[in-house]
């Protein structure tokens, strides 16, 4: 408990251009698997296969995986956007069936408050971020 497993997601995800998709974390092993070690790394292939140890892992169910990134507001360096990129992937016999994007954004100033993902998207898609 308390340890995360890693996932390298090569499948195109929403917002994947903003993050390193080779380094997601999950606690999937804690709930479903006993037969692999912590050194093993899951891969979700470009076509949606769930791979473990170079073989399709025939799992049916949901897997949550996530990563975190912090952005500084270009207009005010005291404001930071803390983005939790979270995805829920549904697999059927090791094949990706669907992906749900559960990304959240938290605005950190002197006090914390959440901002909508739409507000964050407007700022993140500005020319400043695409340099």
C-alpha atoms as a PDB file:
ATOM      1  CA  UNK A   1       0.000   0.000   0.000  1.00  0.00           C
ATOM      2  CA  UNK A   2       1.130   3.529  -0.633  1.00  0.00           C
ATOM      3  CA  UNK A   3       3.219   2.568  -3.652  1.00  0.00           C
ATOM      4  CA  UNK A   4       2.304   3.483  -7.198  1.00  0.00           C
ATOM      5  CA  UNK A   5       2.805   1.485 -10.352  1.00  0.00           C
ATOM      6  CA  UNK A   6       3.773   3.212 -13.573  1.00  0.00           C
ATOM      7  CA  UNK A   7       1.951   3.268 -16.883  1.00  0.00           C
ATOM      8  CA  UNK A   8       3.355   4.331 -20.233  1.00  0.00           C
ATOM      9  CA  UNK A   9       0.343   5.388 -22.296  1.00  0.00           C
ATOM     10  CA  UNK A  10       1.004   5.509 -26.026  1.00  0.00           C
ATOM     11  CA  UNK A  11      -2.708   5.685 -26.801  1.00  0.00           C
ATOM     12  CA  UNK A  12      -3.831   9.243 -27.680  1.00  0.00           C
ATOM     13  CA  UNK A  13      -5.523  10.825 -24.656  1.00  0.00           C
ATOM     14  CA  UNK A  14      -7.325  14.138 -24.244  1.00  0.00           C
ATOM     15  CA  UNK A  15      -4.753  16.814 -23.298  1.00  0.00           C
ATOM     16  CA  UNK A  16      -1.867  14.430 -23.999  1.00  0.00           C
ATOM     17  CA  UNK A  17       0.040  17.230 -25.725  1.00  0.00           C
ATOM     18  CA  UNK A  18       0.362  18.959 -22.326  1.00  0.00           C
ATOM     19  CA  UNK A  19       1.905  16.086 -20.358  1.00  0.00           C
ATOM     20  CA  UNK A  20       4.476  13.321 -20.372  1.00  0.00           C
ATOM     21  CA  UNK A  21       2.299  10.286 -21.126  1.00  0.00           C
ATOM     22  CA  UNK A  22       5.127   7.843 -20.415  1.00  0.00           C
ATOM     23  CA  UNK A  23       4.977   8.394 -16.671  1.00  0.00           C
ATOM     24  CA  UNK A  24       1.464   7.969 -15.279  1.00  0.00           C
ATOM     25  CA  UNK A  25       0.885   6.480 -11.850  1.00  0.00           C
ATOM     26  CA  UNK A  26      -1.753   4.016 -10.686  1.00  0.00           C
ATOM     27  CA  UNK A  27      -2.587   1.885  -7.668  1.00  0.00           C
ATOM     28  CA  UNK A  28      -4.052  -0.722  -9.979  1.00  0.00           C
ATOM     29  CA  UNK A  29      -1.828  -3.501  -8.639  1.00  0.00           C
ATOM     30  CA  UNK A  30      -3.039  -2.988  -5.079  1.00  0.00           C
ATOM     31  CA  UNK A  31      -6.575  -3.867  -6.117  1.00  0.00           C
ATOM     32  CA  UNK A  32      -6.293  -6.496  -8.832  1.00  0.00           C
ATOM     33  CA  UNK A  33      -2.909  -8.081  -9.281  1.00  0.00           C
ATOM     34  CA  UNK A  34      -0.651 -10.186  -7.141  1.00  0.00           C
ATOM     35  CA  UNK A  35       1.338 -11.912  -9.873  1.00  0.00           C
ATOM     36  CA  UNK A  36       3.758  -9.186 -10.895  1.00  0.00           C
ATOM     37  CA  UNK A  37       6.449  -7.163  -9.203  1.00  0.00           C
ATOM     38  CA  UNK A  38       6.747  -3.433  -8.586  1.00  0.00           C
ATOM     39  CA  UNK A  39       9.416  -3.201 -11.290  1.00  0.00           C
ATOM     40  CA  UNK A  40       6.933  -4.189 -13.989  1.00  0.00           C
ATOM     41  CA  UNK A  41       5.470  -1.321 -15.978  1.00  0.00           C
ATOM     42  CA  UNK A  42       2.157  -1.315 -17.772  1.00  0.00           C
ATOM     43  CA  UNK A  43       1.918  -0.060 -21.329  1.00  0.00           C
ATOM     44  CA  UNK A  44      -1.240   1.029 -23.089  1.00  0.00           C
ATOM     45  CA  UNK A  45      -0.281   0.690 -26.747  1.00  0.00           C
ATOM     46  CA  UNK A  46      -1.148   3.024 -29.613  1.00  0.00           C
ATOM     47  CA  UNK A  47      -4.069   0.722 -30.508  1.00  0.00           C
ATOM     48  CA  UNK A  48      -5.248   0.347 -26.902  1.00  0.00           C
ATOM     49  CA  UNK A  49      -3.759  -2.985 -25.831  1.00  0.00           C
ATOM     50  CA  UNK A  50      -2.940  -3.312 -22.112  1.00  0.00           C
ATOM     51  CA  UNK A  51       0.544  -4.794 -22.049  1.00  0.00           C
ATOM     52  CA  UNK A  52       2.480  -6.246 -19.126  1.00  0.00           C
ATOM     53  CA  UNK A  53       5.833  -7.999 -19.595  1.00  0.00           C
ATOM     54  CA  UNK A  54       5.551  -7.807 -23.410  1.00  0.00           C
ATOM     55  CA  UNK A  55       2.200  -9.657 -23.428  1.00  0.00           C
ATOM     56  CA  UNK A  56      -1.386  -8.476 -23.596  1.00  0.00           C
ATOM     57  CA  UNK A  57      -2.759  -8.583 -20.064  1.00  0.00           C
ATOM     58  CA  UNK A  58      -6.324  -9.906 -20.438  1.00  0.00           C
ATOM     59  CA  UNK A  59      -7.921  -7.639 -17.862  1.00  0.00           C
ATOM     60  CA  UNK A  60     -11.591  -6.679 -17.919  1.00  0.00           C
ATOM     61  CA  UNK A  61     -12.619  -3.680 -15.829  1.00  0.00           C
ATOM     62  CA  UNK A  62     -11.604  -0.099 -15.021  1.00  0.00           C
ATOM     63  CA  UNK A  63      -8.098   1.259 -14.388  1.00  0.00           C
ATOM     64  CA  UNK A  64      -7.423   4.740 -12.999  1.00  0.00           C
ATOM     65  CA  UNK A  65      -4.137   6.461 -13.825  1.00  0.00           C
ATOM     66  CA  UNK A  66      -2.943  10.000 -13.312  1.00  0.00           C
ATOM     67  CA  UNK A  67      -0.140  12.535 -13.352  1.00  0.00           C
ATOM     68  CA  UNK A  68       0.306  16.049 -12.017  1.00  0.00           C
ATOM     69  CA  UNK A  69       1.732  19.209 -13.520  1.00  0.00           C
ATOM     70  CA  UNK A  70       2.041  22.769 -12.289  1.00  0.00           C
ATOM     71  CA  UNK A  71       1.853  25.843 -14.518  1.00  0.00           C
ATOM     72  CA  UNK A  72       2.673  29.457 -13.656  1.00  0.00           C
ATOM     73  CA  UNK A  73       0.266  32.078 -14.937  1.00  0.00           C
ATOM     74  CA  UNK A  74       2.047  34.214 -17.564  1.00  0.00           C
ATOM     75  CA  UNK A  75       0.283  37.363 -16.324  1.00  0.00           C
ATOM     76  CA  UNK A  76       1.119  36.863 -12.636  1.00  0.00           C
ATOM     77  CA  UNK A  77       3.937  34.600 -11.468  1.00  0.00           C
ATOM     78  CA  UNK A  78       2.379  34.349  -7.991  1.00  0.00           C
ATOM     79  CA  UNK A  79      -0.520  32.371  -9.446  1.00  0.00           C
ATOM     80  CA  UNK A  80      -0.030  28.704 -10.148  1.00  0.00           C
ATOM     81  CA  UNK A  81      -2.373  26.245 -11.780  1.00  0.00           C
ATOM     82  CA  UNK A  82      -2.066  22.778 -10.315  1.00  0.00           C
ATOM     83  CA  UNK A  83      -3.445  20.323 -12.836  1.00  0.00           C
ATOM     84  CA  UNK A  84      -4.265  16.741 -11.982  1.00  0.00           C
ATOM     85  CA  UNK A  85      -4.545  14.823 -15.249  1.00  0.00           C
ATOM     86  CA  UNK A  86      -6.648  11.817 -14.283  1.00  0.00           C
ATOM     87  CA  UNK A  87      -8.068   9.192 -16.599  1.00  0.00           C
ATOM     88  CA  UNK A  88     -10.309   6.164 -16.126  1.00  0.00           C
ATOM     89  CA  UNK A  89      -9.771   3.513 -18.777  1.00  0.00           C
ATOM     90  CA  UNK A  90     -12.203   0.670 -19.355  1.00  0.00           C
ATOM     91  CA  UNK A  91     -10.704  -2.558 -20.678  1.00  0.00           C
ATOM     92  CA  UNK A  92     -12.332  -5.683 -22.059  1.00  0.00           C
ATOM     93  CA  UNK A  93     -10.007  -8.694 -22.276  1.00  0.00           C
ATOM     94  CA  UNK A  94      -6.966  -6.423 -22.428  1.00  0.00           C
ATOM     95  CA  UNK A  95      -8.346  -4.102 -25.094  1.00  0.00           C
ATOM     96  CA  UNK A  96      -9.157  -0.466 -24.358  1.00  0.00           C
ATOM     97  CA  UNK A  97     -12.900   0.044 -24.646  1.00  0.00           C
ATOM     98  CA  UNK A  98     -13.267   3.664 -23.452  1.00  0.00           C
ATOM     99  CA  UNK A  99     -11.390   6.463 -21.670  1.00  0.00           C
ATOM    100  CA  UNK A 100     -12.955   9.015 -19.348  1.00  0.00           C
ATOM    101  CA  UNK A 101     -11.045  12.279 -18.792  1.00  0.00           C
ATOM    102  CA  UNK A 102     -11.386  13.418 -15.154  1.00  0.00           C
ATOM    103  CA  UNK A 103      -8.786  16.214 -15.279  1.00  0.00           C
ATOM    104  CA  UNK A 104      -9.103  18.848 -12.560  1.00  0.00           C
ATOM    105  CA  UNK A 105      -7.463  22.238 -12.158  1.00  0.00           C
ATOM    106  CA  UNK A 106      -6.753  24.030  -8.898  1.00  0.00           C
ATOM    107  CA  UNK A 107      -5.733  27.673  -8.806  1.00  0.00           C
ATOM    108  CA  UNK A 108      -3.177  28.469  -6.102  1.00  0.00           C
ATOM    109  CA  UNK A 109      -2.820  32.044  -4.932  1.00  0.00           C
ATOM    110  CA  UNK A 110      -2.553  33.291  -1.357  1.00  0.00           C
ATOM    111  CA  UNK A 111      -5.510  30.997  -0.757  1.00  0.00           C
ATOM    112  CA  UNK A 112      -6.565  28.054  -2.868  1.00  0.00           C
ATOM    113  CA  UNK A 113      -9.633  27.960  -5.061  1.00  0.00           C
ATOM    114  CA  UNK A 114     -10.647  25.801  -7.961  1.00  0.00           C
ATOM    115  CA  UNK A 115     -11.150  27.149 -11.456  1.00  0.00           C
ATOM    116  CA  UNK A 116     -13.139  25.526 -14.207  1.00  0.00           C
ATOM    117  CA  UNK A 117     -11.350  23.412 -16.740  1.00  0.00           C
ATOM    118  CA  UNK A 118     -12.735  25.693 -19.477  1.00  0.00           C
ATOM    119  CA  UNK A 119     -11.098  28.742 -17.865  1.00  0.00           C
ATOM    120  CA  UNK A 120      -7.825  26.870 -17.549  1.00  0.00           C
ATOM    121  CA  UNK A 121      -8.058  25.642 -21.162  1.00  0.00           C
ATOM    122  CA  UNK A 122      -8.420  29.195 -22.458  1.00  0.00           C
ATOM    123  CA  UNK A 123      -5.214  30.207 -20.688  1.00  0.00           C
ATOM    124  CA  UNK A 124      -3.284  27.019 -21.410  1.00  0.00           C
ATOM    125  CA  UNK A 125      -4.077  27.283 -25.125  1.00  0.00           C
ATOM    126  CA  UNK A 126      -2.768  30.852 -25.355  1.00  0.00           C
ATOM    127  CA  UNK A 127       0.394  31.553 -27.338  1.00  0.00           C
ATOM    128  CA  UNK A 128       2.417  31.747 -24.107  1.00  0.00           C
ATOM    129  CA  UNK A 129       2.173  27.993 -23.503  1.00  0.00           C
ATOM    130  CA  UNK A 130       2.957  27.045 -27.087  1.00  0.00           C
ATOM    131  CA  UNK A 131       6.453  28.559 -27.180  1.00  0.00           C
END
